[in-house]
Amino acid sequence: MSTKEDQSLPTRLLLIRHAQTEWNVQRRFQGYGDSPITKEGQEQLQRLKSRLAGIAFDVVYSSDLGRTMETSQMLVGKKRIEEPRLRERGVGILEGLNLEQIMAEHADAFQAFRSGDKDHQIDGGESLQNALNRVWEFLEEMPLKHPGAELAAVSHAGLIRLICKQILGLELDAPNFFQIPNTSLTQLVFSPKDLSWSLECLADTTHLQRVFDPLVVI
């Protein structure tokens, strides 16, 4: 049970993208699909584990897909919860295909997908707006369920990018001027005073850089 003191404290949520997968390397659209984490991805996981060693999150949330669940095992949490609303945006008929296959089989649909507005929905897929709506519902619950808590959520590049655009006041279908690398850390803070989320850190990958090597246990 939370106290009045808890409710006056900020809630912190660390967003983490999953480790590199085979489909990432092959540049295939993943969406709701899944593929194994690569050898490089396994090294990323160990670096992530070293980076976050000593931090015990109150709750570790994860998308219910394999690549995020495996990544979440690198985190220490008092409680773990699978959360489907943290899934990547569904890409329907593009799922599992690389660009060459897409242009051969779904060129017109892909053009509409890339140039469509935030409400465009490819066959079997999900619009940018719908993807944001479900994950934003999750974000709105966090300060109510866990006031003053330290939380982590393992998710996907597309979804984390949508969250950041919303917080920064950018259009959802605006060009992507920032990347969300594998196992990058994006820190969100909810202010009880302002009743809003702010972005404290975007896509930090210090643990993947050589300067961090002496501290990595692999």
N, C-alpha and C. Protein backbone atom coordinates (compact mmCIF):
# COMPACT_ATOMS: atom_id res chain seq x y z
N MET A 1 0.85 -1.19 0.00
CA MET A 1 0.00 0.00 0.00
C MET A 1 0.88 1.24 0.00
N SER A 2 0.57 2.20 -0.88
CA SER A 2 1.38 3.41 -0.96
C SER A 2 0.94 4.40 0.13
N THR A 3 1.88 5.23 0.53
CA THR A 3 1.61 6.25 1.53
C THR A 3 1.48 7.61 0.85
N LYS A 4 1.04 8.62 1.63
CA LYS A 4 0.95 9.98 1.10
C LYS A 4 2.33 10.47 0.68
N GLU A 5 3.34 10.04 1.43
CA GLU A 5 4.71 10.44 1.09
C GLU A 5 5.11 9.86 -0.27
N ASP A 6 4.75 8.58 -0.53
CA ASP A 6 5.05 7.95 -1.81
C ASP A 6 4.42 8.74 -2.96
N GLN A 7 3.18 9.18 -2.75
CA GLN A 7 2.43 9.84 -3.81
C GLN A 7 3.00 11.21 -4.15
N SER A 8 3.84 11.75 -3.30
CA SER A 8 4.45 13.05 -3.58
C SER A 8 5.81 12.90 -4.25
N LEU A 9 6.28 11.66 -4.38
CA LEU A 9 7.58 11.39 -4.98
C LEU A 9 7.44 11.07 -6.46
N PRO A 10 8.45 11.40 -7.25
CA PRO A 10 8.38 11.07 -8.68
C PRO A 10 8.47 9.56 -8.90
N THR A 11 7.81 9.08 -9.92
CA THR A 11 7.92 7.69 -10.36
C THR A 11 8.90 7.65 -11.53
N ARG A 12 9.86 6.75 -11.45
CA ARG A 12 10.89 6.67 -12.48
C ARG A 12 10.74 5.35 -13.25
N LEU A 13 10.80 5.46 -14.57
CA LEU A 13 10.64 4.28 -15.43
C LEU A 13 11.78 4.24 -16.43
N LEU A 14 12.59 3.18 -16.37
CA LEU A 14 13.69 3.00 -17.30
C LEU A 14 13.22 2.11 -18.44
N LEU A 15 13.17 2.68 -19.65
CA LEU A 15 12.80 1.92 -20.84
C LEU A 15 14.06 1.32 -21.46
N ILE A 16 14.00 0.04 -21.76
CA ILE A 16 15.16 -0.68 -22.29
C ILE A 16 14.74 -1.43 -23.56
N ARG A 17 15.48 -1.21 -24.64
CA ARG A 17 15.21 -2.00 -25.83
C ARG A 17 15.89 -3.36 -25.69
N HIS A 18 15.27 -4.38 -26.27
CA HIS A 18 15.81 -5.75 -26.23
C HIS A 18 17.17 -5.84 -26.94
N ALA A 19 17.90 -6.92 -26.70
CA ALA A 19 19.19 -7.16 -27.34
C ALA A 19 19.01 -7.49 -28.82
N GLN A 20 20.11 -7.42 -29.55
CA GLN A 20 20.09 -7.66 -30.99
C GLN A 20 19.59 -9.07 -31.32
N THR A 21 18.73 -9.17 -32.33
CA THR A 21 18.20 -10.46 -32.78
C THR A 21 18.66 -10.75 -34.20
N GLU A 22 18.44 -12.00 -34.62
CA GLU A 22 18.81 -12.39 -35.98
C GLU A 22 18.05 -11.57 -37.01
N TRP A 23 16.79 -11.29 -36.76
CA TRP A 23 16.03 -10.48 -37.72
C TRP A 23 16.51 -9.04 -37.75
N ASN A 24 17.04 -8.54 -36.63
CA ASN A 24 17.65 -7.21 -36.65
C ASN A 24 18.82 -7.19 -37.64
N VAL A 25 19.68 -8.19 -37.55
CA VAL A 25 20.85 -8.27 -38.42
C VAL A 25 20.43 -8.42 -39.88
N GLN A 26 19.40 -9.22 -40.12
CA GLN A 26 18.91 -9.48 -41.47
C GLN A 26 17.99 -8.37 -41.97
N ARG A 27 17.77 -7.37 -41.12
CA ARG A 27 16.93 -6.22 -41.45
C ARG A 27 15.52 -6.66 -41.88
N ARG A 28 14.98 -7.58 -41.10
CA ARG A 28 13.60 -8.03 -41.32
C ARG A 28 12.67 -7.31 -40.35
N PHE A 29 11.47 -7.05 -40.79
CA PHE A 29 10.47 -6.43 -39.93
C PHE A 29 10.01 -7.47 -38.91
N GLN A 30 10.10 -7.13 -37.61
CA GLN A 30 9.74 -8.11 -36.58
C GLN A 30 8.30 -7.97 -36.10
N GLY A 31 7.90 -6.76 -35.71
CA GLY A 31 6.54 -6.60 -35.21
C GLY A 31 6.25 -7.55 -34.07
N TYR A 32 5.13 -8.27 -34.17
CA TYR A 32 4.75 -9.24 -33.15
C TYR A 32 5.54 -10.54 -33.28
N GLY A 33 6.26 -10.71 -34.39
CA GLY A 33 7.06 -11.92 -34.59
C GLY A 33 8.28 -11.91 -33.69
N ASP A 34 9.07 -12.97 -33.77
CA ASP A 34 10.22 -13.07 -32.89
C ASP A 34 11.34 -13.81 -33.60
N SER A 35 12.56 -13.61 -33.13
CA SER A 35 13.71 -14.35 -33.64
C SER A 35 14.75 -14.40 -32.53
N PRO A 36 15.67 -15.37 -32.59
CA PRO A 36 16.64 -15.55 -31.51
C PRO A 36 17.60 -14.37 -31.37
N ILE A 37 18.09 -14.20 -30.16
CA ILE A 37 19.12 -13.19 -29.90
C ILE A 37 20.46 -13.70 -30.43
N THR A 38 21.20 -12.83 -31.10
CA THR A 38 22.46 -13.20 -31.73
C THR A 38 23.58 -13.33 -30.70
N LYS A 39 24.75 -13.78 -31.16
CA LYS A 39 25.93 -13.84 -30.30
C LYS A 39 26.29 -12.45 -29.81
N GLU A 40 26.24 -11.47 -30.72
CA GLU A 40 26.50 -10.08 -30.30
C GLU A 40 25.45 -9.62 -29.30
N GLY A 41 24.22 -10.04 -29.53
CA GLY A 41 23.15 -9.69 -28.60
C GLY A 41 23.39 -10.26 -27.22
N GLN A 42 23.95 -11.48 -27.14
CA GLN A 42 24.26 -12.08 -25.85
C GLN A 42 25.32 -11.26 -25.12
N GLU A 43 26.29 -10.73 -25.87
CA GLU A 43 27.30 -9.87 -25.24
C GLU A 43 26.64 -8.57 -24.76
N GLN A 44 25.72 -8.04 -25.54
CA GLN A 44 24.99 -6.84 -25.11
C GLN A 44 24.25 -7.10 -23.80
N LEU A 45 23.69 -8.29 -23.67
CA LEU A 45 22.97 -8.62 -22.43
C LEU A 45 23.90 -8.61 -21.23
N GLN A 46 25.09 -9.14 -21.39
CA GLN A 46 26.04 -9.16 -20.28
C GLN A 46 26.50 -7.75 -19.92
N ARG A 47 26.67 -6.93 -20.94
CA ARG A 47 27.05 -5.53 -20.70
C ARG A 47 25.92 -4.79 -19.99
N LEU A 48 24.70 -5.07 -20.40
CA LEU A 48 23.53 -4.46 -19.74
C LEU A 48 23.46 -4.90 -18.29
N LYS A 49 23.69 -6.18 -18.05
CA LYS A 49 23.66 -6.71 -16.68
C LYS A 49 24.69 -6.02 -15.81
N SER A 50 25.90 -5.83 -16.34
CA SER A 50 26.96 -5.15 -15.60
C SER A 50 26.59 -3.69 -15.35
N ARG A 51 26.01 -3.06 -16.35
CA ARG A 51 25.64 -1.65 -16.23
C ARG A 51 24.62 -1.43 -15.11
N LEU A 52 23.68 -2.34 -14.99
CA LEU A 52 22.59 -2.16 -14.03
C LEU A 52 22.79 -2.97 -12.75
N ALA A 53 23.97 -3.55 -12.59
CA ALA A 53 24.26 -4.33 -11.37
C ALA A 53 24.11 -3.44 -10.14
N GLY A 54 23.48 -3.97 -9.12
CA GLY A 54 23.31 -3.20 -7.89
C GLY A 54 22.01 -2.44 -7.83
N ILE A 55 21.27 -2.39 -8.94
CA ILE A 55 19.97 -1.71 -8.95
C ILE A 55 18.88 -2.77 -8.84
N ALA A 56 18.08 -2.66 -7.80
CA ALA A 56 16.95 -3.56 -7.62
C ALA A 56 15.67 -2.77 -7.90
N PHE A 57 15.09 -3.00 -9.06
CA PHE A 57 13.87 -2.28 -9.43
C PHE A 57 12.69 -2.80 -8.63
N ASP A 58 11.77 -1.92 -8.32
CA ASP A 58 10.56 -2.35 -7.61
C ASP A 58 9.76 -3.33 -8.45
N VAL A 59 9.65 -3.03 -9.74
CA VAL A 59 8.98 -3.94 -10.68
C VAL A 59 9.72 -3.89 -12.00
N VAL A 60 9.91 -5.05 -12.61
CA VAL A 60 10.44 -5.14 -13.97
C VAL A 60 9.31 -5.61 -14.88
N TYR A 61 8.89 -4.73 -15.76
CA TYR A 61 7.89 -5.07 -16.77
C TYR A 61 8.59 -5.48 -18.05
N SER A 62 7.94 -6.32 -18.84
CA SER A 62 8.50 -6.71 -20.13
C SER A 62 7.38 -7.01 -21.11
N SER A 63 7.60 -6.61 -22.35
CA SER A 63 6.77 -7.13 -23.43
C SER A 63 6.77 -8.65 -23.35
N ASP A 64 5.70 -9.27 -23.80
CA ASP A 64 5.59 -10.73 -23.65
C ASP A 64 6.23 -11.50 -24.80
N LEU A 65 7.05 -10.82 -25.63
CA LEU A 65 7.75 -11.51 -26.71
C LEU A 65 9.10 -12.05 -26.21
N GLY A 66 9.60 -13.08 -26.85
CA GLY A 66 10.78 -13.80 -26.38
C GLY A 66 12.01 -12.92 -26.23
N ARG A 67 12.24 -12.04 -27.19
CA ARG A 67 13.46 -11.23 -27.16
C ARG A 67 13.49 -10.23 -26.00
N THR A 68 12.32 -9.76 -25.62
CA THR A 68 12.25 -8.84 -24.48
C THR A 68 12.27 -9.60 -23.15
N MET A 69 11.63 -10.76 -23.12
CA MET A 69 11.63 -11.55 -21.90
C MET A 69 13.05 -12.00 -21.55
N GLU A 70 13.81 -12.41 -22.57
CA GLU A 70 15.19 -12.83 -22.32
C GLU A 70 16.03 -11.65 -21.84
N THR A 71 15.82 -10.49 -22.45
CA THR A 71 16.56 -9.30 -22.02
C THR A 71 16.22 -8.92 -20.59
N SER A 72 14.98 -9.06 -20.21
CA SER A 72 14.55 -8.66 -18.87
C SER A 72 15.19 -9.50 -17.77
N GLN A 73 15.67 -10.70 -18.12
CA GLN A 73 16.30 -11.56 -17.12
C GLN A 73 17.63 -10.98 -16.63
N MET A 74 18.17 -10.00 -17.33
CA MET A 74 19.42 -9.36 -16.92
C MET A 74 19.19 -8.35 -15.79
N LEU A 75 17.94 -8.03 -15.50
CA LEU A 75 17.61 -7.02 -14.51
C LEU A 75 17.19 -7.67 -13.20
N VAL A 76 17.52 -6.99 -12.11
CA VAL A 76 17.09 -7.44 -10.79
C VAL A 76 15.82 -6.70 -10.42
N GLY A 77 14.77 -7.45 -10.12
CA GLY A 77 13.50 -6.83 -9.76
C GLY A 77 12.82 -7.57 -8.63
N LYS A 78 12.14 -6.83 -7.76
CA LYS A 78 11.40 -7.46 -6.67
C LYS A 78 10.17 -8.20 -7.20
N LYS A 79 9.73 -7.78 -8.40
CA LYS A 79 8.56 -8.39 -9.02
C LYS A 79 8.71 -8.30 -10.53
N ARG A 80 8.24 -9.31 -11.27
CA ARG A 80 8.32 -9.31 -12.72
C ARG A 80 6.92 -9.50 -13.31
N ILE A 81 6.63 -8.72 -14.35
CA ILE A 81 5.30 -8.77 -14.95
C ILE A 81 5.42 -8.73 -16.47
N GLU A 82 4.79 -9.69 -17.16
CA GLU A 82 4.70 -9.66 -18.62
C GLU A 82 3.58 -8.70 -19.00
N GLU A 83 3.86 -7.81 -19.94
CA GLU A 83 2.90 -6.78 -20.29
C GLU A 83 2.75 -6.68 -21.82
N PRO A 84 1.67 -7.25 -22.39
CA PRO A 84 1.46 -7.23 -23.84
C PRO A 84 1.41 -5.81 -24.43
N ARG A 85 1.04 -4.83 -23.63
CA ARG A 85 0.95 -3.46 -24.16
C ARG A 85 2.33 -2.89 -24.49
N LEU A 86 3.39 -3.56 -24.06
CA LEU A 86 4.75 -3.13 -24.38
C LEU A 86 5.27 -3.77 -25.66
N ARG A 87 4.44 -4.55 -26.34
CA ARG A 87 4.84 -5.17 -27.61
C ARG A 87 5.18 -4.11 -28.66
N GLU A 88 5.99 -4.55 -29.64
CA GLU A 88 6.29 -3.70 -30.78
C GLU A 88 5.02 -3.44 -31.58
N ARG A 89 5.03 -2.37 -32.37
CA ARG A 89 3.92 -2.09 -33.27
C ARG A 89 3.76 -3.25 -34.25
N GLY A 90 2.55 -3.73 -34.43
CA GLY A 90 2.29 -4.80 -35.38
C GLY A 90 2.45 -4.33 -36.81
N VAL A 91 3.17 -5.10 -37.63
CA VAL A 91 3.41 -4.69 -39.02
C VAL A 91 2.73 -5.62 -40.02
N GLY A 92 1.86 -6.48 -39.54
CA GLY A 92 1.01 -7.26 -40.43
C GLY A 92 1.73 -8.05 -41.50
N ILE A 93 1.39 -7.80 -42.77
CA ILE A 93 1.91 -8.58 -43.90
C ILE A 93 3.40 -8.37 -44.12
N LEU A 94 4.01 -7.38 -43.46
CA LEU A 94 5.45 -7.16 -43.61
C LEU A 94 6.28 -7.99 -42.64
N GLU A 95 5.63 -8.59 -41.67
CA GLU A 95 6.35 -9.29 -40.60
C GLU A 95 7.22 -10.43 -41.15
N GLY A 96 8.48 -10.44 -40.72
CA GLY A 96 9.41 -11.49 -41.11
C GLY A 96 10.07 -11.28 -42.45
N LEU A 97 9.72 -10.20 -43.16
CA LEU A 97 10.26 -9.96 -44.49
C LEU A 97 11.36 -8.90 -44.46
N ASN A 98 12.35 -9.05 -45.36
CA ASN A 98 13.34 -7.98 -45.52
C ASN A 98 12.88 -7.04 -46.63
N LEU A 99 13.64 -5.98 -46.86
CA LEU A 99 13.20 -4.96 -47.81
C LEU A 99 13.08 -5.52 -49.22
N GLU A 100 14.01 -6.38 -49.62
CA GLU A 100 13.95 -6.95 -50.98
C GLU A 100 12.67 -7.75 -51.18
N GLN A 101 12.30 -8.55 -50.18
CA GLN A 101 11.07 -9.34 -50.27
C GLN A 101 9.84 -8.45 -50.27
N ILE A 102 9.89 -7.41 -49.44
CA ILE A 102 8.75 -6.49 -49.36
C ILE A 102 8.52 -5.79 -50.69
N MET A 103 9.59 -5.33 -51.32
CA MET A 103 9.44 -4.61 -52.59
C MET A 103 8.97 -5.55 -53.69
N ALA A 104 9.30 -6.82 -53.57
CA ALA A 104 8.86 -7.79 -54.58
C ALA A 104 7.41 -8.20 -54.38
N GLU A 105 6.96 -8.24 -53.13
CA GLU A 105 5.64 -8.79 -52.83
C GLU A 105 4.60 -7.75 -52.41
N HIS A 106 5.05 -6.65 -51.79
CA HIS A 106 4.10 -5.68 -51.22
C HIS A 106 4.55 -4.24 -51.45
N ALA A 107 5.03 -3.95 -52.64
CA ALA A 107 5.61 -2.62 -52.90
C ALA A 107 4.62 -1.49 -52.63
N ASP A 108 3.40 -1.62 -53.15
CA ASP A 108 2.41 -0.54 -52.98
C ASP A 108 2.00 -0.39 -51.52
N ALA A 109 1.79 -1.52 -50.85
CA ALA A 109 1.40 -1.48 -49.44
C ALA A 109 2.52 -0.87 -48.60
N PHE A 110 3.78 -1.19 -48.95
CA PHE A 110 4.91 -0.66 -48.19
C PHE A 110 5.04 0.85 -48.38
N GLN A 111 4.81 1.31 -49.61
CA GLN A 111 4.87 2.75 -49.87
C GLN A 111 3.83 3.48 -49.04
N ALA A 112 2.62 2.92 -48.96
CA ALA A 112 1.57 3.53 -48.15
C ALA A 112 1.93 3.47 -46.67
N PHE A 113 2.56 2.37 -46.26
CA PHE A 113 2.98 2.18 -44.87
C PHE A 113 4.00 3.24 -44.47
N ARG A 114 4.97 3.50 -45.35
CA ARG A 114 6.04 4.45 -45.05
C ARG A 114 5.58 5.90 -45.14
N SER A 115 4.68 6.19 -46.06
CA SER A 115 4.26 7.58 -46.26
C SER A 115 2.91 7.89 -45.63
N GLY A 116 2.26 6.86 -45.06
CA GLY A 116 0.95 7.07 -44.47
C GLY A 116 1.02 7.87 -43.19
N ASP A 117 -0.12 8.43 -42.79
CA ASP A 117 -0.14 9.23 -41.56
C ASP A 117 -0.25 8.33 -40.34
N LYS A 118 -0.38 8.95 -39.19
CA LYS A 118 -0.36 8.20 -37.93
C LYS A 118 -1.52 7.23 -37.79
N ASP A 119 -2.56 7.40 -38.58
CA ASP A 119 -3.71 6.50 -38.49
C ASP A 119 -3.71 5.42 -39.57
N HIS A 120 -2.68 5.42 -40.42
CA HIS A 120 -2.62 4.40 -41.47
C HIS A 120 -2.33 3.04 -40.85
N GLN A 121 -3.05 2.03 -41.34
CA GLN A 121 -2.90 0.67 -40.80
C GLN A 121 -2.72 -0.30 -41.95
N ILE A 122 -1.55 -0.93 -42.04
CA ILE A 122 -1.29 -1.90 -43.08
C ILE A 122 -2.09 -3.17 -42.79
N ASP A 123 -2.34 -3.98 -43.82
CA ASP A 123 -3.12 -5.20 -43.66
C ASP A 123 -2.56 -6.06 -42.53
N GLY A 124 -3.40 -6.36 -41.55
CA GLY A 124 -3.00 -7.20 -40.44
C GLY A 124 -2.13 -6.51 -39.41
N GLY A 125 -1.87 -5.21 -39.62
CA GLY A 125 -0.98 -4.49 -38.73
C GLY A 125 -1.68 -3.49 -37.83
N GLU A 126 -0.95 -2.50 -37.40
CA GLU A 126 -1.41 -1.56 -36.39
C GLU A 126 -0.94 -0.16 -36.76
N SER A 127 -1.78 0.83 -36.54
CA SER A 127 -1.39 2.21 -36.82
C SER A 127 -0.47 2.74 -35.73
N LEU A 128 0.26 3.80 -36.06
CA LEU A 128 1.10 4.44 -35.06
C LEU A 128 0.27 4.91 -33.87
N GLN A 129 -0.89 5.49 -34.16
CA GLN A 129 -1.74 6.02 -33.10
C GLN A 129 -2.24 4.92 -32.18
N ASN A 130 -2.66 3.80 -32.75
CA ASN A 130 -3.15 2.69 -31.92
C ASN A 130 -2.05 2.10 -31.06
N ALA A 131 -0.84 2.01 -31.62
CA ALA A 131 0.28 1.50 -30.84
C ALA A 131 0.59 2.43 -29.67
N LEU A 132 0.58 3.74 -29.95
CA LEU A 132 0.81 4.71 -28.87
C LEU A 132 -0.29 4.63 -27.82
N ASN A 133 -1.53 4.51 -28.26
CA ASN A 133 -2.66 4.49 -27.32
C ASN A 133 -2.51 3.39 -26.28
N ARG A 134 -2.12 2.20 -26.72
CA ARG A 134 -2.04 1.08 -25.77
C ARG A 134 -0.86 1.25 -24.81
N VAL A 135 0.29 1.72 -25.33
CA VAL A 135 1.43 1.87 -24.42
C VAL A 135 1.26 3.08 -23.52
N TRP A 136 0.55 4.11 -24.00
CA TRP A 136 0.32 5.28 -23.15
C TRP A 136 -0.64 4.96 -22.02
N GLU A 137 -1.58 4.07 -22.28
CA GLU A 137 -2.47 3.59 -21.22
C GLU A 137 -1.65 2.94 -20.12
N PHE A 138 -0.66 2.15 -20.52
CA PHE A 138 0.26 1.52 -19.56
C PHE A 138 1.01 2.59 -18.77
N LEU A 139 1.55 3.61 -19.45
CA LEU A 139 2.30 4.67 -18.77
C LEU A 139 1.43 5.43 -17.78
N GLU A 140 0.20 5.69 -18.13
CA GLU A 140 -0.69 6.44 -17.24
C GLU A 140 -0.99 5.66 -15.96
N GLU A 141 -0.94 4.33 -16.04
CA GLU A 141 -1.20 3.50 -14.86
C GLU A 141 -0.04 3.47 -13.88
N MET A 142 1.17 3.65 -14.39
CA MET A 142 2.36 3.44 -13.56
C MET A 142 2.41 4.34 -12.31
N PRO A 143 2.19 5.67 -12.42
CA PRO A 143 2.24 6.50 -11.21
C PRO A 143 1.13 6.18 -10.21
N LEU A 144 0.02 5.63 -10.71
CA LEU A 144 -1.08 5.27 -9.83
C LEU A 144 -0.81 3.96 -9.10
N LYS A 145 -0.24 2.99 -9.83
CA LYS A 145 0.06 1.69 -9.24
C LYS A 145 1.34 1.72 -8.41
N HIS A 146 2.31 2.53 -8.83
CA HIS A 146 3.63 2.50 -8.20
C HIS A 146 4.16 3.91 -7.92
N PRO A 147 3.45 4.70 -7.13
CA PRO A 147 3.94 6.05 -6.85
C PRO A 147 5.30 6.03 -6.15
N GLY A 148 6.22 6.83 -6.64
CA GLY A 148 7.54 6.93 -6.03
C GLY A 148 8.45 5.74 -6.28
N ALA A 149 8.08 4.85 -7.21
CA ALA A 149 8.84 3.62 -7.42
C ALA A 149 9.91 3.78 -8.49
N GLU A 150 10.86 2.83 -8.46
CA GLU A 150 11.87 2.69 -9.51
C GLU A 150 11.46 1.49 -10.36
N LEU A 151 11.07 1.76 -11.60
CA LEU A 151 10.54 0.73 -12.48
C LEU A 151 11.43 0.55 -13.71
N ALA A 152 11.34 -0.61 -14.31
CA ALA A 152 12.00 -0.86 -15.59
C ALA A 152 10.99 -1.51 -16.52
N ALA A 153 11.11 -1.23 -17.81
CA ALA A 153 10.23 -1.83 -18.81
C ALA A 153 11.05 -2.15 -20.05
N VAL A 154 11.09 -3.44 -20.41
CA VAL A 154 11.83 -3.86 -21.60
C VAL A 154 10.85 -3.92 -22.77
N SER A 155 11.18 -3.16 -23.81
CA SER A 155 10.26 -3.03 -24.93
C SER A 155 11.03 -3.02 -26.26
N HIS A 156 10.54 -2.26 -27.22
CA HIS A 156 11.03 -2.34 -28.60
C HIS A 156 11.29 -0.93 -29.15
N ALA A 157 12.13 -0.86 -30.17
CA ALA A 157 12.56 0.44 -30.69
C ALA A 157 11.38 1.30 -31.15
N GLY A 158 10.49 0.71 -31.93
CA GLY A 158 9.37 1.49 -32.45
C GLY A 158 8.49 2.06 -31.37
N LEU A 159 8.22 1.24 -30.35
CA LEU A 159 7.33 1.69 -29.28
C LEU A 159 8.01 2.74 -28.40
N ILE A 160 9.29 2.53 -28.09
CA ILE A 160 10.02 3.52 -27.28
C ILE A 160 10.10 4.84 -28.03
N ARG A 161 10.30 4.78 -29.35
CA ARG A 161 10.36 6.00 -30.15
C ARG A 161 9.02 6.75 -30.10
N LEU A 162 7.91 6.03 -30.17
CA LEU A 162 6.59 6.67 -30.09
C LEU A 162 6.40 7.36 -28.75
N ILE A 163 6.81 6.70 -27.66
CA ILE A 163 6.70 7.30 -26.33
C ILE A 163 7.48 8.60 -26.26
N CYS A 164 8.71 8.57 -26.77
CA CYS A 164 9.57 9.76 -26.72
C CYS A 164 9.00 10.89 -27.56
N LYS A 165 8.47 10.57 -28.72
CA LYS A 165 7.86 11.60 -29.57
C LYS A 165 6.68 12.25 -28.84
N GLN A 166 5.88 11.45 -28.19
CA GLN A 166 4.72 11.99 -27.46
C GLN A 166 5.17 12.94 -26.36
N ILE A 167 6.18 12.53 -25.59
CA ILE A 167 6.67 13.36 -24.49
C ILE A 167 7.29 14.65 -25.01
N LEU A 168 8.00 14.55 -26.13
CA LEU A 168 8.69 15.72 -26.71
C LEU A 168 7.77 16.60 -27.54
N GLY A 169 6.52 16.20 -27.71
CA GLY A 169 5.57 17.00 -28.48
C GLY A 169 5.77 16.92 -29.98
N LEU A 170 6.38 15.82 -30.45
CA LEU A 170 6.60 15.63 -31.88
C LEU A 170 5.43 14.86 -32.50
N GLU A 171 5.17 15.11 -33.76
CA GLU A 171 4.14 14.34 -34.47
C GLU A 171 4.58 12.88 -34.56
N LEU A 172 3.64 11.96 -34.40
CA LEU A 172 3.98 10.54 -34.42
C LEU A 172 4.54 10.11 -35.77
N ASP A 173 4.05 10.73 -36.85
CA ASP A 173 4.52 10.37 -38.18
C ASP A 173 5.61 11.30 -38.70
N ALA A 174 6.20 12.10 -37.79
CA ALA A 174 7.33 12.94 -38.17
C ALA A 174 8.56 12.07 -38.43
N PRO A 175 9.52 12.54 -39.21
CA PRO A 175 10.74 11.76 -39.45
C PRO A 175 11.42 11.38 -38.14
N ASN A 176 12.10 10.24 -38.16
CA ASN A 176 12.79 9.76 -36.97
C ASN A 176 14.20 10.35 -36.93
N PHE A 177 14.39 11.35 -36.09
CA PHE A 177 15.68 12.02 -35.99
C PHE A 177 16.57 11.43 -34.90
N PHE A 178 16.12 10.37 -34.24
CA PHE A 178 16.93 9.72 -33.22
C PHE A 178 16.72 8.21 -33.30
N GLN A 179 17.75 7.47 -32.93
CA GLN A 179 17.71 6.01 -32.97
C GLN A 179 17.56 5.44 -31.56
N ILE A 180 17.05 4.21 -31.49
CA ILE A 180 16.91 3.50 -30.23
C ILE A 180 17.69 2.18 -30.38
N PRO A 181 19.01 2.19 -30.11
CA PRO A 181 19.82 0.98 -30.32
C PRO A 181 19.45 -0.15 -29.36
N ASN A 182 19.87 -1.35 -29.72
CA ASN A 182 19.63 -2.51 -28.88
C ASN A 182 20.24 -2.32 -27.49
N THR A 183 19.51 -2.64 -26.47
CA THR A 183 19.82 -2.53 -25.03
C THR A 183 20.07 -1.09 -24.59
N SER A 184 19.68 -0.10 -25.38
CA SER A 184 19.83 1.29 -24.95
C SER A 184 18.86 1.60 -23.82
N LEU A 185 19.22 2.61 -23.02
CA LEU A 185 18.47 3.00 -21.83
C LEU A 185 17.84 4.38 -22.03
N THR A 186 16.54 4.45 -21.83
CA THR A 186 15.81 5.72 -21.93
C THR A 186 15.06 5.94 -20.63
N GLN A 187 15.44 6.99 -19.89
CA GLN A 187 14.89 7.22 -18.56
C GLN A 187 13.72 8.22 -18.60
N LEU A 188 12.57 7.78 -18.08
CA LEU A 188 11.39 8.65 -17.95
C LEU A 188 11.15 8.95 -16.47
N VAL A 189 10.65 10.15 -16.19
CA VAL A 189 10.32 10.54 -14.82
C VAL A 189 8.94 11.17 -14.82
N PHE A 190 8.08 10.68 -13.92
CA PHE A 190 6.74 11.26 -13.78
C PHE A 190 6.72 12.20 -12.58
N SER A 191 6.29 13.44 -12.82
CA SER A 191 6.21 14.43 -11.76
C SER A 191 4.79 14.49 -11.20
N PRO A 192 4.61 14.18 -9.91
CA PRO A 192 3.28 14.30 -9.29
C PRO A 192 2.78 15.74 -9.29
N LYS A 193 3.69 16.68 -9.27
CA LYS A 193 3.31 18.09 -9.27
C LYS A 193 2.75 18.52 -10.62
N ASP A 194 3.45 18.15 -11.69
CA ASP A 194 3.02 18.54 -13.04
C ASP A 194 2.09 17.54 -13.68
N LEU A 195 1.98 16.35 -13.07
CA LEU A 195 1.14 15.27 -13.61
C LEU A 195 1.52 14.92 -15.05
N SER A 196 2.83 14.84 -15.29
CA SER A 196 3.30 14.55 -16.64
C SER A 196 4.63 13.81 -16.60
N TRP A 197 4.89 13.10 -17.71
CA TRP A 197 6.17 12.41 -17.88
C TRP A 197 7.16 13.33 -18.56
N SER A 198 8.42 13.24 -18.17
CA SER A 198 9.49 13.96 -18.84
C SER A 198 10.59 12.98 -19.22
N LEU A 199 11.42 13.39 -20.16
CA LEU A 199 12.50 12.55 -20.67
C LEU A 199 13.80 13.01 -20.04
N GLU A 200 14.41 12.15 -19.23
CA GLU A 200 15.64 12.50 -18.52
C GLU A 200 16.88 12.05 -19.28
N CYS A 201 16.74 10.97 -20.03
CA CYS A 201 17.88 10.40 -20.76
C CYS A 201 17.33 9.64 -21.96
N LEU A 202 17.95 9.82 -23.13
CA LEU A 202 17.46 9.19 -24.35
C LEU A 202 18.51 8.26 -24.94
N ALA A 203 18.18 6.97 -25.03
CA ALA A 203 18.97 5.98 -25.77
C ALA A 203 20.45 5.94 -25.36
N ASP A 204 20.70 5.88 -24.07
CA ASP A 204 22.07 5.80 -23.55
C ASP A 204 22.66 4.42 -23.83
N THR A 205 23.83 4.39 -24.48
CA THR A 205 24.50 3.12 -24.79
C THR A 205 25.93 3.09 -24.24
N THR A 206 26.18 3.77 -23.14
CA THR A 206 27.52 3.81 -22.56
C THR A 206 28.07 2.41 -22.33
N HIS A 207 27.23 1.50 -21.89
CA HIS A 207 27.69 0.14 -21.59
C HIS A 207 28.15 -0.63 -22.82
N LEU A 208 27.80 -0.16 -24.02
CA LEU A 208 28.22 -0.83 -25.25
C LEU A 208 29.51 -0.25 -25.81
N GLN A 209 30.02 0.79 -25.18
CA GLN A 209 31.22 1.46 -25.67
C GLN A 209 32.46 0.96 -24.93
N ARG A 210 33.60 1.07 -25.59
CA ARG A 210 34.83 0.49 -25.06
C ARG A 210 35.25 1.12 -23.73
N VAL A 211 34.86 2.36 -23.50
CA VAL A 211 35.24 3.01 -22.25
C VAL A 211 34.67 2.26 -21.05
N PHE A 212 33.62 1.50 -21.28
CA PHE A 212 32.96 0.77 -20.19
C PHE A 212 33.55 -0.62 -19.99
N ASP A 213 34.42 -1.07 -20.89
CA ASP A 213 34.94 -2.44 -20.87
C ASP A 213 35.51 -2.90 -19.53
N PRO A 214 36.30 -2.07 -18.82
CA PRO A 214 36.88 -2.54 -17.55
C PRO A 214 35.84 -2.93 -16.51
N LEU A 215 34.61 -2.46 -16.67
CA LEU A 215 33.57 -2.72 -15.67
C LEU A 215 32.62 -3.85 -16.09
N VAL A 216 32.86 -4.40 -17.29
CA VAL A 216 31.95 -5.41 -17.82
C VAL A 216 32.41 -6.80 -17.40
N VAL A 217 31.47 -7.59 -16.88
CA VAL A 217 31.75 -8.97 -16.49
C VAL A 217 31.09 -9.87 -17.52
N ILE A 218 31.91 -10.50 -18.37
CA ILE A 218 31.37 -11.35 -19.44
C ILE A 218 31.92 -12.77 -19.29
